All heavy atoms as atom14 arrays in JSON, in Angstrom:
{
  "sequence": "LYPRPKSLLPKMMNADMDVDAENQVELEEKTRLINQVLELQHTLED",
  "atom14_mask": [
    [1, 1, 1, 1, 1, 1, 1, 1, 0, 0, 0, 0, 0, 0],
    [1, 1, 1, 1, 1, 1, 1, 1, 1, 1, 1, 1, 0, 0],
    [1, 1, 1, 1, 1, 1, 1, 0, 0, 0, 0, 0, 0, 0],
    [1, 1, 1, 1, 1, 1, 1, 1, 1, 1, 1, 0, 0, 0],
    [1, 1, 1, 1, 1, 1, 1, 0, 0, 0, 0, 0, 0, 0],
    [1, 1, 1, 1, 1, 1, 1, 1, 1, 0, 0, 0, 0, 0],
    [1, 1, 1, 1, 1, 1, 0, 0, 0, 0, 0, 0, 0, 0],
    [1, 1, 1, 1, 1, 1, 1, 1, 0, 0, 0, 0, 0, 0],
    [1, 1, 1, 1, 1, 1, 1, 1, 0, 0, 0, 0, 0, 0],
    [1, 1, 1, 1, 1, 1, 1, 0, 0, 0, 0, 0, 0, 0],
    [1, 1, 1, 1, 1, 1, 1, 1, 1, 0, 0, 0, 0, 0],
    [1, 1, 1, 1, 1, 1, 1, 1, 0, 0, 0, 0, 0, 0],
    [1, 1, 1, 1, 1, 1, 1, 1, 0, 0, 0, 0, 0, 0],
    [1, 1, 1, 1, 1, 1, 1, 1, 0, 0, 0, 0, 0, 0],
    [1, 1, 1, 1, 1, 0, 0, 0, 0, 0, 0, 0, 0, 0],
    [1, 1, 1, 1, 1, 1, 1, 1, 0, 0, 0, 0, 0, 0],
    [1, 1, 1, 1, 1, 1, 1, 1, 0, 0, 0, 0, 0, 0],
    [1, 1, 1, 1, 1, 1, 1, 1, 0, 0, 0, 0, 0, 0],
    [1, 1, 1, 1, 1, 1, 1, 0, 0, 0, 0, 0, 0, 0],
    [1, 1, 1, 1, 1, 1, 1, 1, 0, 0, 0, 0, 0, 0],
    [1, 1, 1, 1, 1, 0, 0, 0, 0, 0, 0, 0, 0, 0],
    [1, 1, 1, 1, 1, 1, 1, 1, 1, 0, 0, 0, 0, 0],
    [1, 1, 1, 1, 1, 1, 1, 1, 0, 0, 0, 0, 0, 0],
    [1, 1, 1, 1, 1, 1, 1, 1, 1, 0, 0, 0, 0, 0],
    [1, 1, 1, 1, 1, 1, 1, 0, 0, 0, 0, 0, 0, 0],
    [1, 1, 1, 1, 1, 1, 1, 1, 1, 0, 0, 0, 0, 0],
    [1, 1, 1, 1, 1, 1, 1, 1, 0, 0, 0, 0, 0, 0],
    [1, 1, 1, 1, 1, 1, 1, 1, 1, 0, 0, 0, 0, 0],
    [1, 1, 1, 1, 1, 1, 1, 1, 1, 0, 0, 0, 0, 0],
    [1, 1, 1, 1, 1, 1, 1, 1, 1, 0, 0, 0, 0, 0],
    [1, 1, 1, 1, 1, 1, 1, 0, 0, 0, 0, 0, 0, 0],
    [1, 1, 1, 1, 1, 1, 1, 1, 1, 1, 1, 0, 0, 0],
    [1, 1, 1, 1, 1, 1, 1, 1, 0, 0, 0, 0, 0, 0],
    [1, 1, 1, 1, 1, 1, 1, 1, 0, 0, 0, 0, 0, 0],
    [1, 1, 1, 1, 1, 1, 1, 1, 0, 0, 0, 0, 0, 0],
    [1, 1, 1, 1, 1, 1, 1, 1, 1, 0, 0, 0, 0, 0],
    [1, 1, 1, 1, 1, 1, 1, 0, 0, 0, 0, 0, 0, 0],
    [1, 1, 1, 1, 1, 1, 1, 1, 0, 0, 0, 0, 0, 0],
    [1, 1, 1, 1, 1, 1, 1, 1, 1, 0, 0, 0, 0, 0],
    [1, 1, 1, 1, 1, 1, 1, 1, 0, 0, 0, 0, 0, 0],
    [1, 1, 1, 1, 1, 1, 1, 1, 1, 0, 0, 0, 0, 0],
    [1, 1, 1, 1, 1, 1, 1, 1, 1, 1, 0, 0, 0, 0],
    [1, 1, 1, 1, 1, 1, 1, 0, 0, 0, 0, 0, 0, 0],
    [1, 1, 1, 1, 1, 1, 1, 1, 0, 0, 0, 0, 0, 0],
    [1, 1, 1, 1, 1, 1, 1, 1, 1, 0, 0, 0, 0, 0],
    [1, 1, 1, 1, 1, 1, 1, 1, 0, 0, 0, 0, 0, 0]
  ],
  "atom14_positions": [
    [[8.15, 15.73, -39.73], [7.61, 15.76, -38.42], [7.3, 14.39, -37.78], [6.44, 13.67, -38.49], [6.3, 16.64, -38.36], [6.6, 18.2, -38.7], [5.21, 18.92, -38.75], [7.58, 18.79, -37.68], [0.0, 0.0, 0.0], [0.0, 0.0, 0.0], [0.0, 0.0, 0.0], [0.0, 0.0, 0.0], [0.0, 0.0, 0.0], [0.0, 0.0, 0.0]],
    [[7.74, 14.09, -36.69], [7.52, 12.77, -35.97], [6.69, 13.14, -34.71], [6.99, 14.07, -34.08], [8.88, 12.02, -35.57], [9.51, 11.48, -36.85], [10.55, 12.27, -37.31], [9.12, 10.31, -37.4], [11.3, 11.83, -38.38], [9.91, 9.95, -38.54], [10.92, 10.61, -38.99], [11.65, 10.02, -40.11], [0.0, 0.0, 0.0], [0.0, 0.0, 0.0]],
    [[5.66, 12.39, -34.48], [4.89, 12.48, -33.18], [5.98, 12.47, -32.07], [6.79, 11.58, -31.9], [3.92, 11.46, -33.17], [4.04, 10.65, -34.35], [5.14, 11.17, -35.17], [0.0, 0.0, 0.0], [0.0, 0.0, 0.0], [0.0, 0.0, 0.0], [0.0, 0.0, 0.0], [0.0, 0.0, 0.0], [0.0, 0.0, 0.0], [0.0, 0.0, 0.0]],
    [[5.77, 13.37, -31.1], [6.63, 13.4, -29.94], [6.1, 12.3, -28.94], [4.87, 12.25, -28.73], [6.52, 14.76, -29.25], [7.32, 14.8, -27.87], [7.17, 16.04, -27.25], [7.99, 17.08, -28.14], [7.81, 18.41, -27.97], [7.09, 18.87, -27.03], [8.48, 19.14, -28.75], [0.0, 0.0, 0.0], [0.0, 0.0, 0.0], [0.0, 0.0, 0.0]],
    [[6.97, 11.37, -28.57], [6.42, 10.41, -27.62], [5.8, 10.96, -26.27], [6.54, 11.94, -25.81], [7.67, 9.51, -27.17], [8.78, 10.44, -27.69], [8.53, 11.33, -28.69], [0.0, 0.0, 0.0], [0.0, 0.0, 0.0], [0.0, 0.0, 0.0], [0.0, 0.0, 0.0], [0.0, 0.0, 0.0], [0.0, 0.0, 0.0], [0.0, 0.0, 0.0]],
    [[4.73, 10.62, -25.95], [4.1, 11.02, -24.79], [4.77, 10.52, -23.5], [5.25, 9.35, -23.5], [2.62, 10.58, -24.66], [1.74, 11.19, -25.77], [0.25, 10.84, -25.52], [-0.53, 11.51, -26.56], [-1.91, 11.35, -26.53], [0.0, 0.0, 0.0], [0.0, 0.0, 0.0], [0.0, 0.0, 0.0], [0.0, 0.0, 0.0], [0.0, 0.0, 0.0]],
    [[5.01, 11.41, -22.63], [5.79, 11.14, -21.55], [5.0, 10.15, -20.52], [3.86, 10.39, -20.22], [6.16, 12.4, -20.62], [6.67, 11.96, -19.43], [0.0, 0.0, 0.0], [0.0, 0.0, 0.0], [0.0, 0.0, 0.0], [0.0, 0.0, 0.0], [0.0, 0.0, 0.0], [0.0, 0.0, 0.0], [0.0, 0.0, 0.0], [0.0, 0.0, 0.0]],
    [[5.56, 9.02, -20.23], [4.92, 8.12, -19.41], [5.32, 8.46, -17.9], [4.61, 7.75, -16.97], [5.41, 6.68, -19.66], [5.01, 6.1, -21.04], [5.74, 4.76, -21.3], [3.58, 6.1, -21.29], [0.0, 0.0, 0.0], [0.0, 0.0, 0.0], [0.0, 0.0, 0.0], [0.0, 0.0, 0.0], [0.0, 0.0, 0.0], [0.0, 0.0, 0.0]],
    [[6.16, 9.33, -17.69], [6.56, 9.59, -16.33], [5.31, 10.19, -15.36], [5.2, 9.58, -14.26], [7.6, 10.62, -16.32], [8.37, 11.04, -14.96], [8.87, 9.71, -14.36], [9.36, 12.14, -15.16], [0.0, 0.0, 0.0], [0.0, 0.0, 0.0], [0.0, 0.0, 0.0], [0.0, 0.0, 0.0], [0.0, 0.0, 0.0], [0.0, 0.0, 0.0]],
    [[4.58, 11.04, -15.95], [3.39, 11.4, -14.95], [2.44, 10.12, -14.73], [2.01, 10.01, -13.55], [2.56, 12.5, -15.84], [3.72, 13.16, -16.69], [4.57, 11.92, -17.03], [0.0, 0.0, 0.0], [0.0, 0.0, 0.0], [0.0, 0.0, 0.0], [0.0, 0.0, 0.0], [0.0, 0.0, 0.0], [0.0, 0.0, 0.0], [0.0, 0.0, 0.0]],
    [[2.17, 9.39, -15.79], [1.39, 8.26, -15.46], [2.09, 7.35, -14.43], [1.43, 6.7, -13.71], [1.01, 7.51, -16.83], [-0.06, 8.22, -17.61], [-0.42, 7.47, -18.85], [-1.35, 8.31, -19.59], [-1.73, 7.62, -20.98], [0.0, 0.0, 0.0], [0.0, 0.0, 0.0], [0.0, 0.0, 0.0], [0.0, 0.0, 0.0], [0.0, 0.0, 0.0]],
    [[3.33, 7.1, -14.78], [4.08, 6.13, -13.99], [4.13, 6.55, -12.51], [3.97, 5.97, -11.45], [5.56, 5.78, -14.44], [5.41, 5.12, -15.68], [7.11, 4.9, -16.45], [8.05, 4.33, -15.1], [0.0, 0.0, 0.0], [0.0, 0.0, 0.0], [0.0, 0.0, 0.0], [0.0, 0.0, 0.0], [0.0, 0.0, 0.0], [0.0, 0.0, 0.0]],
    [[4.34, 7.93, -12.39], [4.37, 8.52, -10.96], [3.01, 8.41, -10.37], [2.83, 8.03, -9.24], [4.83, 10.11, -11.12], [6.29, 10.2, -11.54], [6.86, 11.9, -11.57], [6.4, 12.44, -9.92], [0.0, 0.0, 0.0], [0.0, 0.0, 0.0], [0.0, 0.0, 0.0], [0.0, 0.0, 0.0], [0.0, 0.0, 0.0], [0.0, 0.0, 0.0]],
    [[1.92, 8.68, -11.16], [0.55, 8.51, -10.57], [0.39, 7.09, -10.27], [-0.25, 6.73, -9.18], [-0.5, 9.02, -11.53], [-0.61, 10.52, -11.59], [-0.04, 11.23, -10.62], [-1.11, 11.0, -12.62], [0.0, 0.0, 0.0], [0.0, 0.0, 0.0], [0.0, 0.0, 0.0], [0.0, 0.0, 0.0], [0.0, 0.0, 0.0], [0.0, 0.0, 0.0]],
    [[0.82, 6.14, -11.12], [0.59, 4.71, -10.75], [1.47, 4.31, -9.5], [1.01, 3.53, -8.66], [1.04, 3.85, -12.07], [0.0, 0.0, 0.0], [0.0, 0.0, 0.0], [0.0, 0.0, 0.0], [0.0, 0.0, 0.0], [0.0, 0.0, 0.0], [0.0, 0.0, 0.0], [0.0, 0.0, 0.0], [0.0, 0.0, 0.0], [0.0, 0.0, 0.0]],
    [[2.64, 4.86, -9.5], [3.58, 4.55, -8.38], [2.87, 5.12, -7.06], [2.9, 4.39, -6.01], [4.89, 5.14, -8.45], [5.74, 4.43, -9.42], [5.4, 3.29, -9.81], [6.78, 4.95, -9.98], [0.0, 0.0, 0.0], [0.0, 0.0, 0.0], [0.0, 0.0, 0.0], [0.0, 0.0, 0.0], [0.0, 0.0, 0.0], [0.0, 0.0, 0.0]],
    [[2.29, 6.34, -7.18], [1.55, 6.9, -5.96], [0.49, 6.11, -5.62], [0.13, 5.88, -4.44], [1.39, 8.37, -6.26], [2.52, 9.27, -6.27], [2.37, 11.07, -6.37], [0.72, 11.33, -7.06], [0.0, 0.0, 0.0], [0.0, 0.0, 0.0], [0.0, 0.0, 0.0], [0.0, 0.0, 0.0], [0.0, 0.0, 0.0], [0.0, 0.0, 0.0]],
    [[-0.24, 5.62, -6.63], [-1.56, 4.8, -6.37], [-0.98, 3.43, -5.68], [-1.65, 2.97, -4.77], [-2.27, 4.45, -7.62], [-2.87, 5.61, -8.22], [-3.11, 6.58, -7.41], [-3.42, 5.61, -9.29], [0.0, 0.0, 0.0], [0.0, 0.0, 0.0], [0.0, 0.0, 0.0], [0.0, 0.0, 0.0], [0.0, 0.0, 0.0], [0.0, 0.0, 0.0]],
    [[0.08, 2.89, -6.28], [0.56, 1.55, -5.68], [1.1, 1.9, -4.23], [0.85, 1.08, -3.38], [1.69, 1.04, -6.7], [2.46, -0.05, -5.78], [1.18, 0.65, -7.88], [0.0, 0.0, 0.0], [0.0, 0.0, 0.0], [0.0, 0.0, 0.0], [0.0, 0.0, 0.0], [0.0, 0.0, 0.0], [0.0, 0.0, 0.0], [0.0, 0.0, 0.0]],
    [[1.87, 3.01, -4.09], [2.33, 3.39, -2.78], [1.16, 3.64, -1.77], [1.18, 3.07, -0.67], [3.16, 4.63, -2.8], [4.66, 4.39, -3.4], [4.95, 3.22, -3.55], [5.26, 5.38, -3.77], [0.0, 0.0, 0.0], [0.0, 0.0, 0.0], [0.0, 0.0, 0.0], [0.0, 0.0, 0.0], [0.0, 0.0, 0.0], [0.0, 0.0, 0.0]],
    [[0.08, 4.23, -2.24], [-1.18, 4.41, -1.27], [-1.7, 3.08, -1.07], [-2.09, 2.88, 0.06], [-2.09, 5.33, -2.05], [0.0, 0.0, 0.0], [0.0, 0.0, 0.0], [0.0, 0.0, 0.0], [0.0, 0.0, 0.0], [0.0, 0.0, 0.0], [0.0, 0.0, 0.0], [0.0, 0.0, 0.0], [0.0, 0.0, 0.0], [0.0, 0.0, 0.0]],
    [[-1.88, 2.19, -2.12], [-2.45, 0.9, -1.84], [-1.53, 0.02, -0.88], [-2.06, -0.58, 0.11], [-2.6, 0.07, -3.14], [-3.67, 0.62, -4.04], [-3.79, 0.06, -5.43], [-3.1, -0.93, -5.54], [-4.46, 0.55, -6.3], [0.0, 0.0, 0.0], [0.0, 0.0, 0.0], [0.0, 0.0, 0.0], [0.0, 0.0, 0.0], [0.0, 0.0, 0.0]],
    [[-0.26, 0.18, -1.14], [0.6, -0.6, -0.29], [0.68, -0.03, 1.24], [0.72, -0.85, 2.08], [2.11, -0.37, -0.72], [2.38, -1.39, -1.95], [1.65, -2.23, -2.16], [3.42, -1.1, -2.68], [0.0, 0.0, 0.0], [0.0, 0.0, 0.0], [0.0, 0.0, 0.0], [0.0, 0.0, 0.0], [0.0, 0.0, 0.0], [0.0, 0.0, 0.0]],
    [[0.45, 1.27, 1.37], [0.3, 1.86, 2.67], [-0.83, 1.28, 3.28], [-0.94, 1.03, 4.52], [0.38, 3.44, 2.48], [0.32, 4.15, 3.89], [1.52, 3.87, 4.66], [2.63, 3.62, 4.06], [1.29, 4.07, 5.98], [0.0, 0.0, 0.0], [0.0, 0.0, 0.0], [0.0, 0.0, 0.0], [0.0, 0.0, 0.0], [0.0, 0.0, 0.0]],
    [[-2.04, 1.35, 2.56], [-3.36, 0.9, 3.15], [-3.21, -0.6, 3.55], [-3.67, -0.94, 4.68], [-4.47, 1.13, 2.14], [-5.7, 0.36, 2.53], [-4.79, 2.59, 1.91], [0.0, 0.0, 0.0], [0.0, 0.0, 0.0], [0.0, 0.0, 0.0], [0.0, 0.0, 0.0], [0.0, 0.0, 0.0], [0.0, 0.0, 0.0], [0.0, 0.0, 0.0]],
    [[-2.55, -1.42, 2.63], [-2.34, -2.78, 3.03], [-1.53, -3.07, 4.09], [-1.75, -3.84, 5.05], [-1.7, -3.52, 1.77], [-2.75, -3.89, 0.55], [-2.13, -4.52, -0.48], [-0.87, -5.09, -0.39], [-2.7, -4.56, -1.67], [0.0, 0.0, 0.0], [0.0, 0.0, 0.0], [0.0, 0.0, 0.0], [0.0, 0.0, 0.0], [0.0, 0.0, 0.0]],
    [[-0.42, -2.26, 4.28], [0.48, -2.33, 5.26], [-0.16, -1.85, 6.67], [-0.01, -2.5, 7.74], [1.75, -1.35, 5.21], [2.78, -1.44, 6.2], [3.32, -2.84, 6.27], [3.86, -0.34, 5.92], [0.0, 0.0, 0.0], [0.0, 0.0, 0.0], [0.0, 0.0, 0.0], [0.0, 0.0, 0.0], [0.0, 0.0, 0.0], [0.0, 0.0, 0.0]],
    [[-0.97, -0.91, 6.64], [-1.65, -0.46, 7.76], [-2.82, -1.6, 8.18], [-2.98, -1.78, 9.53], [-2.47, 0.91, 7.54], [-1.51, 2.06, 7.54], [-2.21, 3.31, 7.06], [-3.4, 3.35, 6.7], [-1.56, 4.34, 6.94], [0.0, 0.0, 0.0], [0.0, 0.0, 0.0], [0.0, 0.0, 0.0], [0.0, 0.0, 0.0], [0.0, 0.0, 0.0]],
    [[-3.35, -2.15, 7.25], [-4.35, -3.23, 7.49], [-3.65, -4.42, 8.16], [-4.16, -5.05, 9.19], [-5.03, -3.6, 6.2], [-6.2, -4.59, 6.51], [-7.35, -4.31, 7.2], [-7.61, -3.03, 7.42], [-8.12, -5.25, 7.64], [0.0, 0.0, 0.0], [0.0, 0.0, 0.0], [0.0, 0.0, 0.0], [0.0, 0.0, 0.0], [0.0, 0.0, 0.0]],
    [[-2.58, -4.8, 7.62], [-1.73, -5.9, 8.18], [-1.33, -5.64, 9.53], [-1.36, -6.52, 10.33], [-0.57, -6.17, 7.22], [-0.82, -6.92, 5.99], [0.39, -7.06, 5.13], [0.17, -7.77, 3.82], [1.27, -8.04, 2.89], [0.0, 0.0, 0.0], [0.0, 0.0, 0.0], [0.0, 0.0, 0.0], [0.0, 0.0, 0.0], [0.0, 0.0, 0.0]],
    [[-0.88, -4.44, 9.8], [-0.41, -3.96, 11.1], [-1.51, -4.08, 12.16], [-1.38, -4.54, 13.25], [0.16, -2.58, 11.17], [1.29, -2.54, 10.1], [0.67, -2.15, 12.46], [0.0, 0.0, 0.0], [0.0, 0.0, 0.0], [0.0, 0.0, 0.0], [0.0, 0.0, 0.0], [0.0, 0.0, 0.0], [0.0, 0.0, 0.0], [0.0, 0.0, 0.0]],
    [[-2.78, -3.58, 11.67], [-3.87, -3.66, 12.49], [-4.23, -5.09, 12.83], [-4.53, -5.38, 14.05], [-5.14, -2.83, 11.95], [-6.3, -2.8, 12.69], [-7.48, -2.15, 11.98], [-7.99, -3.02, 10.95], [-8.77, -4.16, 11.19], [-9.14, -4.44, 12.47], [-9.12, -4.83, 10.18], [0.0, 0.0, 0.0], [0.0, 0.0, 0.0], [0.0, 0.0, 0.0]],
    [[-4.28, -5.91, 11.91], [-4.59, -7.38, 12.04], [-3.52, -7.97, 12.91], [-4.04, -8.82, 13.86], [-4.77, -7.99, 10.66], [-5.83, -7.64, 9.82], [-5.81, -8.4, 8.49], [-7.24, -8.03, 10.52], [0.0, 0.0, 0.0], [0.0, 0.0, 0.0], [0.0, 0.0, 0.0], [0.0, 0.0, 0.0], [0.0, 0.0, 0.0], [0.0, 0.0, 0.0]],
    [[-2.28, -7.67, 12.74], [-1.38, -8.35, 13.65], [-1.38, -7.93, 15.11], [-1.36, -8.73, 15.95], [0.13, -8.03, 13.08], [0.34, -8.61, 11.75], [1.17, -8.32, 14.09], [1.62, -8.29, 11.13], [0.0, 0.0, 0.0], [0.0, 0.0, 0.0], [0.0, 0.0, 0.0], [0.0, 0.0, 0.0], [0.0, 0.0, 0.0], [0.0, 0.0, 0.0]],
    [[-1.63, -6.61, 15.28], [-1.89, -6.2, 16.66], [-3.23, -6.83, 17.19], [-3.16, -7.17, 18.44], [-2.17, -4.7, 16.65], [-0.79, -3.91, 16.3], [0.36, -4.42, 16.62], [-0.83, -2.7, 15.92], [0.0, 0.0, 0.0], [0.0, 0.0, 0.0], [0.0, 0.0, 0.0], [0.0, 0.0, 0.0], [0.0, 0.0, 0.0], [0.0, 0.0, 0.0]],
    [[-4.22, -7.03, 16.41], [-5.5, -7.64, 16.95], [-5.14, -9.06, 17.3], [-5.54, -9.49, 18.29], [-6.56, -7.64, 15.86], [-7.78, -7.92, 16.35], [-8.88, -7.79, 15.29], [-8.72, -7.5, 14.12], [-10.08, -8.08, 15.75], [0.0, 0.0, 0.0], [0.0, 0.0, 0.0], [0.0, 0.0, 0.0], [0.0, 0.0, 0.0], [0.0, 0.0, 0.0]],
    [[-4.35, -9.75, 16.53], [-4.0, -11.2, 16.76], [-3.27, -11.37, 17.97], [-3.48, -12.09, 18.88], [-3.28, -11.77, 15.58], [-2.55, -13.07, 15.97], [-4.28, -12.03, 14.37], [0.0, 0.0, 0.0], [0.0, 0.0, 0.0], [0.0, 0.0, 0.0], [0.0, 0.0, 0.0], [0.0, 0.0, 0.0], [0.0, 0.0, 0.0], [0.0, 0.0, 0.0]],
    [[-2.25, -10.29, 18.11], [-1.46, -10.38, 19.34], [-2.33, -10.21, 20.67], [-2.14, -10.75, 21.63], [-0.3, -9.27, 19.32], [0.8, -9.61, 18.26], [1.67, -8.56, 18.1], [1.58, -10.87, 18.68], [0.0, 0.0, 0.0], [0.0, 0.0, 0.0], [0.0, 0.0, 0.0], [0.0, 0.0, 0.0], [0.0, 0.0, 0.0], [0.0, 0.0, 0.0]],
    [[-3.29, -9.23, 20.63], [-4.11, -8.88, 21.63], [-4.95, -10.17, 21.96], [-5.04, -10.39, 23.16], [-4.97, -7.67, 21.25], [-5.78, -7.23, 22.37], [-6.7, -6.05, 22.06], [-6.35, -5.33, 21.09], [-7.74, -5.76, 22.74], [0.0, 0.0, 0.0], [0.0, 0.0, 0.0], [0.0, 0.0, 0.0], [0.0, 0.0, 0.0], [0.0, 0.0, 0.0]],
    [[-5.35, -10.69, 21.0], [-6.26, -11.92, 21.23], [-5.35, -13.04, 21.83], [-5.87, -13.88, 22.59], [-6.89, -12.35, 19.92], [-7.94, -11.46, 19.54], [-8.5, -11.93, 18.02], [-9.29, -11.56, 20.41], [0.0, 0.0, 0.0], [0.0, 0.0, 0.0], [0.0, 0.0, 0.0], [0.0, 0.0, 0.0], [0.0, 0.0, 0.0], [0.0, 0.0, 0.0]],
    [[-4.07, -13.25, 21.36], [-3.28, -14.26, 22.01], [-3.05, -13.91, 23.54], [-3.06, -14.73, 24.4], [-1.88, -14.27, 21.25], [-1.92, -14.99, 19.98], [-0.62, -14.96, 19.17], [0.19, -14.0, 19.44], [-0.52, -15.83, 18.22], [0.0, 0.0, 0.0], [0.0, 0.0, 0.0], [0.0, 0.0, 0.0], [0.0, 0.0, 0.0], [0.0, 0.0, 0.0]],
    [[-2.87, -12.56, 23.84], [-2.6, -12.23, 25.23], [-3.88, -12.6, 25.95], [-3.76, -13.03, 27.15], [-2.26, -10.81, 25.34], [-0.91, -10.62, 24.75], [0.38, -11.17, 25.17], [-0.49, -9.55, 23.85], [1.27, -10.68, 24.58], [0.99, -9.74, 23.74], [0.0, 0.0, 0.0], [0.0, 0.0, 0.0], [0.0, 0.0, 0.0], [0.0, 0.0, 0.0]],
    [[-5.0, -12.18, 25.49], [-6.28, -12.43, 26.18], [-6.45, -14.08, 26.4], [-6.89, -14.53, 27.47], [-7.51, -12.02, 25.31], [-7.2, -10.65, 25.17], [-8.74, -12.24, 26.03], [0.0, 0.0, 0.0], [0.0, 0.0, 0.0], [0.0, 0.0, 0.0], [0.0, 0.0, 0.0], [0.0, 0.0, 0.0], [0.0, 0.0, 0.0], [0.0, 0.0, 0.0]],
    [[-6.1, -14.83, 25.36], [-6.15, -16.32, 25.54], [-5.32, -16.75, 26.58], [-5.68, -17.72, 27.39], [-5.92, -16.93, 24.08], [-5.95, -18.48, 24.09], [-7.48, -18.96, 24.38], [-5.58, -19.01, 22.79], [0.0, 0.0, 0.0], [0.0, 0.0, 0.0], [0.0, 0.0, 0.0], [0.0, 0.0, 0.0], [0.0, 0.0, 0.0], [0.0, 0.0, 0.0]],
    [[-3.98, -16.31, 26.59], [-3.1, -16.72, 27.62], [-3.54, -16.29, 29.04], [-3.49, -17.1, 29.92], [-1.72, -16.06, 27.43], [-0.91, -16.51, 26.19], [0.29, -15.6, 25.95], [0.44, -14.62, 26.58], [1.04, -15.95, 24.92], [0.0, 0.0, 0.0], [0.0, 0.0, 0.0], [0.0, 0.0, 0.0], [0.0, 0.0, 0.0], [0.0, 0.0, 0.0]],
    [[-4.28, -15.05, 29.11], [-4.69, -14.64, 30.49], [-5.92, -15.64, 30.94], [-5.94, -15.98, 32.04], [-5.29, -13.31, 30.44], [-4.11, -12.21, 30.23], [-2.86, -12.57, 30.53], [-4.38, -11.05, 29.82], [0.0, 0.0, 0.0], [0.0, 0.0, 0.0], [0.0, 0.0, 0.0], [0.0, 0.0, 0.0], [0.0, 0.0, 0.0], [0.0, 0.0, 0.0]]
  ]
}
């Protein structure tokens, strides 16, 4: 009897989902900051 290797797939999927969620949050934050910078640039131009 050999120990069955534990599947890393669920952990990897959870990690991927966590990374995807973190990336999504970072992407939304970057988008929000870019929009804010563009708005401030337009205000400065005005």
